[in-house]
Each structure stands twice: as C-alpha cells, then as structure tokens.
Amino acid sequence: MPPSAFPSRPQSAIVITPEEAFRVPQAALIAPTPRIHIRPSEGVPVNGWAIASLAFGIVGLPVLGILTGWFAVWFGAMALRRTGGPRQYRGRGLATAGIVLGVADILIWIVLSAIYGSALFTPHFGKVSV
C-alpha cells in the first residue's frame, strides 16, 4: 500500500524547551503520604474445646450418649477453664451447652438402659407369651 493510504497523525502542539525539561515540578518534591493498609480486625478466636464439647453433646443424643456424654462434659470443662485465662477465647456459651447436653446424654442413656435392660435381662421362667 502506498504511504498516502494511511491517515497521518496530527502533530502535537506542545513544545518543551530544554530549561523546562530540567525543571522539577513542586508536586514531585513532596514526599508521598503513607498508604493505609486495611485488613480485617484480629477477632477473638473461638475455643476449639468448646466446639468439640457441643459436637459431642449433639452427637451423643442419637448415638451412644453414655460414652460421648463424658467427652462432652470433659471438653466443656476444659473450654470453661481456658476461656477465662490470659488469652481470651470466645465460646463460654458453647461449652456450657456442651456440658448440659453431655449430662443429658448420660442421664437419658442410663434411664433407657435401666428400663430396657431390666426388661431384657429379667428371667421369665415358666411364662409363655402368646
């Protein structure tokens, strides 16, 4: 293609003299302001023992609560001990709920095993069921 087919670019009307090229603007001499780094606040962590206590307390109701209830009570007691320490944790309510559910697990399973265990292991000599 011939060079005349391309449109010519308009020439810039700005002319800088050598003195202007060496002159530094005042804005370039001012120190930049420090940047502010924004990040999420360091919140108080939730105690893992309290979460474990609540999990064992919930799982203990439909599963074998006589075993998991003890774990719920123990983890809850450990969580309550650690939430009041020098490094503060959240989770006192979770730990308390875990302890309550753990005690309920143990009591419910003791009562159920006493009711159904006595029916299963009671000798029925001479009785014929129809």
C-alpha atoms as a PDB file:
ATOM      1  CA  MET A   1       0.000   0.000   0.000  1.00  0.00           C
ATOM      2  CA  PRO A   2       1.249   3.445  -0.688  1.00  0.00           C
ATOM      3  CA  PRO A   3       2.057   5.613   2.336  1.00  0.00           C
ATOM      4  CA  SER A   4      -0.630   8.110   1.414  1.00  0.00           C
ATOM      5  CA  ALA A   5      -3.332   5.479   2.127  1.00  0.00           C
ATOM      6  CA  PHE A   6      -2.741   5.733   5.855  1.00  0.00           C
ATOM      7  CA  PRO A   7      -4.086   8.809   7.611  1.00  0.00           C
ATOM      8  CA  SER A   8      -1.390  10.992   9.011  1.00  0.00           C
ATOM      9  CA  ARG A   9      -1.248  11.594  12.740  1.00  0.00           C
ATOM     10  CA  PRO A  10      -1.758  15.120  13.931  1.00  0.00           C
ATOM     11  CA  GLN A  11       1.430  16.643  15.288  1.00  0.00           C
ATOM     12  CA  SER A  12       1.471  17.648  18.935  1.00  0.00           C
ATOM     13  CA  ALA A  13       1.335  21.370  19.605  1.00  0.00           C
ATOM     14  CA  ILE A  14       3.227  21.075  22.923  1.00  0.00           C
ATOM     15  CA  VAL A  15       6.779  22.264  22.755  1.00  0.00           C
ATOM     16  CA  ILE A  16       9.127  21.816  25.740  1.00  0.00           C
ATOM     17  CA  THR A  17      12.227  23.903  25.922  1.00  0.00           C
ATOM     18  CA  PRO A  18      15.439  22.471  27.422  1.00  0.00           C
ATOM     19  CA  GLU A  19      15.049  24.685  30.508  1.00  0.00           C
ATOM     20  CA  GLU A  20      11.539  23.372  31.130  1.00  0.00           C
ATOM     21  CA  ALA A  21      12.702  19.777  30.722  1.00  0.00           C
ATOM     22  CA  PHE A  22      15.195  20.154  33.607  1.00  0.00           C
ATOM     23  CA  ARG A  23      12.812  21.992  35.893  1.00  0.00           C
ATOM     24  CA  VAL A  24      11.171  19.716  38.522  1.00  0.00           C
ATOM     25  CA  PRO A  25       7.577  20.408  39.458  1.00  0.00           C
ATOM     26  CA  GLN A  26       6.911  21.125  43.134  1.00  0.00           C
ATOM     27  CA  ALA A  27       4.467  18.219  43.388  1.00  0.00           C
ATOM     28  CA  ALA A  28       7.272  15.783  42.599  1.00  0.00           C
ATOM     29  CA  LEU A  29       9.332  17.058  45.551  1.00  0.00           C
ATOM     30  CA  ILE A  30       6.635  16.406  48.174  1.00  0.00           C
ATOM     31  CA  ALA A  31       7.019  13.080  49.978  1.00  0.00           C
ATOM     32  CA  PRO A  32       4.169  10.688  49.273  1.00  0.00           C
ATOM     33  CA  THR A  33       1.693  10.066  52.052  1.00  0.00           C
ATOM     34  CA  PRO A  34       1.976   6.643  53.619  1.00  0.00           C
ATOM     35  CA  ARG A  35      -0.587   4.169  52.418  1.00  0.00           C
ATOM     36  CA  ILE A  36      -3.045   2.794  54.888  1.00  0.00           C
ATOM     37  CA  HIS A  37      -3.266  -0.977  54.855  1.00  0.00           C
ATOM     38  CA  ILE A  38      -6.764  -2.071  55.708  1.00  0.00           C
ATOM     39  CA  ARG A  39      -7.232  -5.649  56.867  1.00  0.00           C
ATOM     40  CA  PRO A  40      -9.844  -7.442  58.925  1.00  0.00           C
ATOM     41  CA  SER A  41      -9.544  -6.974  62.639  1.00  0.00           C
ATOM     42  CA  GLU A  42      -7.951  -9.696  64.653  1.00  0.00           C
ATOM     43  CA  GLY A  43     -11.052 -11.040  66.354  1.00  0.00           C
ATOM     44  CA  VAL A  44     -11.052 -13.180  69.435  1.00  0.00           C
ATOM     45  CA  PRO A  45     -10.868 -16.820  68.326  1.00  0.00           C
ATOM     46  CA  VAL A  46     -13.476 -19.376  69.291  1.00  0.00           C
ATOM     47  CA  ASN A  47     -12.210 -22.054  71.654  1.00  0.00           C
ATOM     48  CA  GLY A  48     -11.865 -25.410  69.886  1.00  0.00           C
ATOM     49  CA  TRP A  49     -12.590 -27.296  73.106  1.00  0.00           C
ATOM     50  CA  ALA A  50     -15.989 -25.583  73.295  1.00  0.00           C
ATOM     51  CA  ILE A  51     -16.826 -26.564  69.715  1.00  0.00           C
ATOM     52  CA  ALA A  52     -15.801 -30.168  70.443  1.00  0.00           C
ATOM     53  CA  SER A  53     -17.922 -30.185  73.598  1.00  0.00           C
ATOM     54  CA  LEU A  54     -21.005 -29.032  71.736  1.00  0.00           C
ATOM     55  CA  ALA A  55     -20.370 -31.506  68.901  1.00  0.00           C
ATOM     56  CA  PHE A  56     -20.036 -34.455  71.306  1.00  0.00           C
ATOM     57  CA  GLY A  57     -23.144 -33.312  73.178  1.00  0.00           C
ATOM     58  CA  ILE A  58     -25.222 -33.167  69.985  1.00  0.00           C
ATOM     59  CA  VAL A  59     -23.895 -36.444  68.591  1.00  0.00           C
ATOM     60  CA  GLY A  60     -24.466 -38.189  71.919  1.00  0.00           C
ATOM     61  CA  LEU A  61     -28.260 -37.910  71.824  1.00  0.00           C
ATOM     62  CA  PRO A  62     -28.971 -40.235  68.880  1.00  0.00           C
ATOM     63  CA  VAL A  63     -25.745 -42.240  69.173  1.00  0.00           C
ATOM     64  CA  LEU A  64     -24.303 -43.902  72.259  1.00  0.00           C
ATOM     65  CA  GLY A  65     -24.602 -40.974  74.661  1.00  0.00           C
ATOM     66  CA  ILE A  66     -23.275 -42.853  77.659  1.00  0.00           C
ATOM     67  CA  LEU A  67     -19.821 -42.622  76.059  1.00  0.00           C
ATOM     68  CA  THR A  68     -19.939 -39.352  74.140  1.00  0.00           C
ATOM     69  CA  GLY A  69     -21.624 -37.551  77.038  1.00  0.00           C
ATOM     70  CA  TRP A  70     -18.493 -37.917  79.151  1.00  0.00           C
ATOM     71  CA  PHE A  71     -16.405 -36.428  76.362  1.00  0.00           C
ATOM     72  CA  ALA A  72     -18.847 -33.523  76.050  1.00  0.00           C
ATOM     73  CA  VAL A  73     -18.617 -32.803  79.784  1.00  0.00           C
ATOM     74  CA  TRP A  74     -14.819 -33.101  79.824  1.00  0.00           C
ATOM     75  CA  PHE A  75     -14.266 -30.916  76.741  1.00  0.00           C
ATOM     76  CA  GLY A  76     -16.752 -28.372  78.110  1.00  0.00           C
ATOM     77  CA  ALA A  77     -14.919 -28.196  81.446  1.00  0.00           C
ATOM     78  CA  MET A  78     -11.596 -27.719  79.645  1.00  0.00           C
ATOM     79  CA  ALA A  79     -13.133 -24.978  77.488  1.00  0.00           C
ATOM     80  CA  LEU A  80     -14.551 -23.139  80.505  1.00  0.00           C
ATOM     81  CA  ARG A  81     -11.147 -23.269  82.144  1.00  0.00           C
ATOM     82  CA  ARG A  82      -9.440 -21.824  79.062  1.00  0.00           C
ATOM     83  CA  THR A  83     -11.955 -19.074  78.262  1.00  0.00           C
ATOM     84  CA  GLY A  84     -11.084 -17.235  81.463  1.00  0.00           C
ATOM     85  CA  GLY A  85      -7.307 -17.447  81.002  1.00  0.00           C
ATOM     86  CA  PRO A  86      -4.835 -14.750  79.965  1.00  0.00           C
ATOM     87  CA  ARG A  87      -5.567 -15.257  76.262  1.00  0.00           C
ATOM     88  CA  GLN A  88      -9.265 -14.684  75.946  1.00  0.00           C
ATOM     89  CA  TYR A  89     -11.351 -17.024  73.832  1.00  0.00           C
ATOM     90  CA  ARG A  90     -14.981 -16.933  72.881  1.00  0.00           C
ATOM     91  CA  GLY A  91     -17.161 -19.958  73.451  1.00  0.00           C
ATOM     92  CA  ARG A  92     -18.400 -19.977  77.044  1.00  0.00           C
ATOM     93  CA  GLY A  93     -21.944 -20.489  75.796  1.00  0.00           C
ATOM     94  CA  LEU A  94     -20.873 -23.329  73.516  1.00  0.00           C
ATOM     95  CA  ALA A  95     -19.018 -25.001  76.384  1.00  0.00           C
ATOM     96  CA  THR A  96     -21.978 -24.625  78.741  1.00  0.00           C
ATOM     97  CA  ALA A  97     -24.360 -26.042  76.142  1.00  0.00           C
ATOM     98  CA  GLY A  98     -21.972 -28.942  75.562  1.00  0.00           C
ATOM     99  CA  ILE A  99     -21.843 -29.723  79.286  1.00  0.00           C
ATOM    100  CA  VAL A 100     -25.636 -29.573  79.609  1.00  0.00           C
ATOM    101  CA  LEU A 101     -26.124 -31.815  76.572  1.00  0.00           C
ATOM    102  CA  GLY A 102     -23.441 -34.211  77.824  1.00  0.00           C
ATOM    103  CA  VAL A 103     -25.109 -34.584  81.218  1.00  0.00           C
ATOM    104  CA  ALA A 104     -28.486 -35.042  79.475  1.00  0.00           C
ATOM    105  CA  ASP A 105     -26.913 -37.717  77.232  1.00  0.00           C
ATOM    106  CA  ILE A 106     -25.590 -39.630  80.213  1.00  0.00           C
ATOM    107  CA  LEU A 107     -28.828 -39.414  82.190  1.00  0.00           C
ATOM    108  CA  ILE A 108     -31.071 -40.349  79.259  1.00  0.00           C
ATOM    109  CA  TRP A 109     -28.945 -43.344  78.361  1.00  0.00           C
ATOM    110  CA  ILE A 110     -28.756 -44.524  81.987  1.00  0.00           C
ATOM    111  CA  VAL A 111     -32.542 -44.315  82.292  1.00  0.00           C
ATOM    112  CA  LEU A 112     -33.089 -46.051  78.933  1.00  0.00           C
ATOM    113  CA  SER A 113     -30.628 -48.814  79.724  1.00  0.00           C
ATOM    114  CA  ALA A 114     -32.269 -49.314  83.154  1.00  0.00           C
ATOM    115  CA  ILE A 115     -35.750 -49.574  81.607  1.00  0.00           C
ATOM    116  CA  TYR A 116     -34.900 -51.726  78.616  1.00  0.00           C
ATOM    117  CA  GLY A 117     -32.062 -53.592  80.291  1.00  0.00           C
ATOM    118  CA  SER A 118     -34.325 -54.809  83.078  1.00  0.00           C
ATOM    119  CA  ALA A 119     -36.887 -55.965  80.532  1.00  0.00           C
ATOM    120  CA  LEU A 120     -34.273 -57.840  78.540  1.00  0.00           C
ATOM    121  CA  PHE A 121     -32.458 -59.491  81.425  1.00  0.00           C
ATOM    122  CA  THR A 122     -35.379 -60.361  83.700  1.00  0.00           C
ATOM    123  CA  PRO A 123     -35.813 -64.152  83.820  1.00  0.00           C
ATOM    124  CA  HIS A 124     -39.178 -65.324  82.555  1.00  0.00           C
ATOM    125  CA  PHE A 125     -39.275 -68.894  83.812  1.00  0.00           C
ATOM    126  CA  GLY A 126     -42.470 -70.725  83.132  1.00  0.00           C
ATOM    127  CA  LYS A 127     -44.186 -67.824  81.373  1.00  0.00           C
ATOM    128  CA  VAL A 128     -45.390 -68.466  77.892  1.00  0.00           C
ATOM    129  CA  SER A 129     -46.146 -65.478  75.731  1.00  0.00           C
ATOM    130  CA  VAL A 130     -48.764 -65.808  73.078  1.00  0.00           C
END
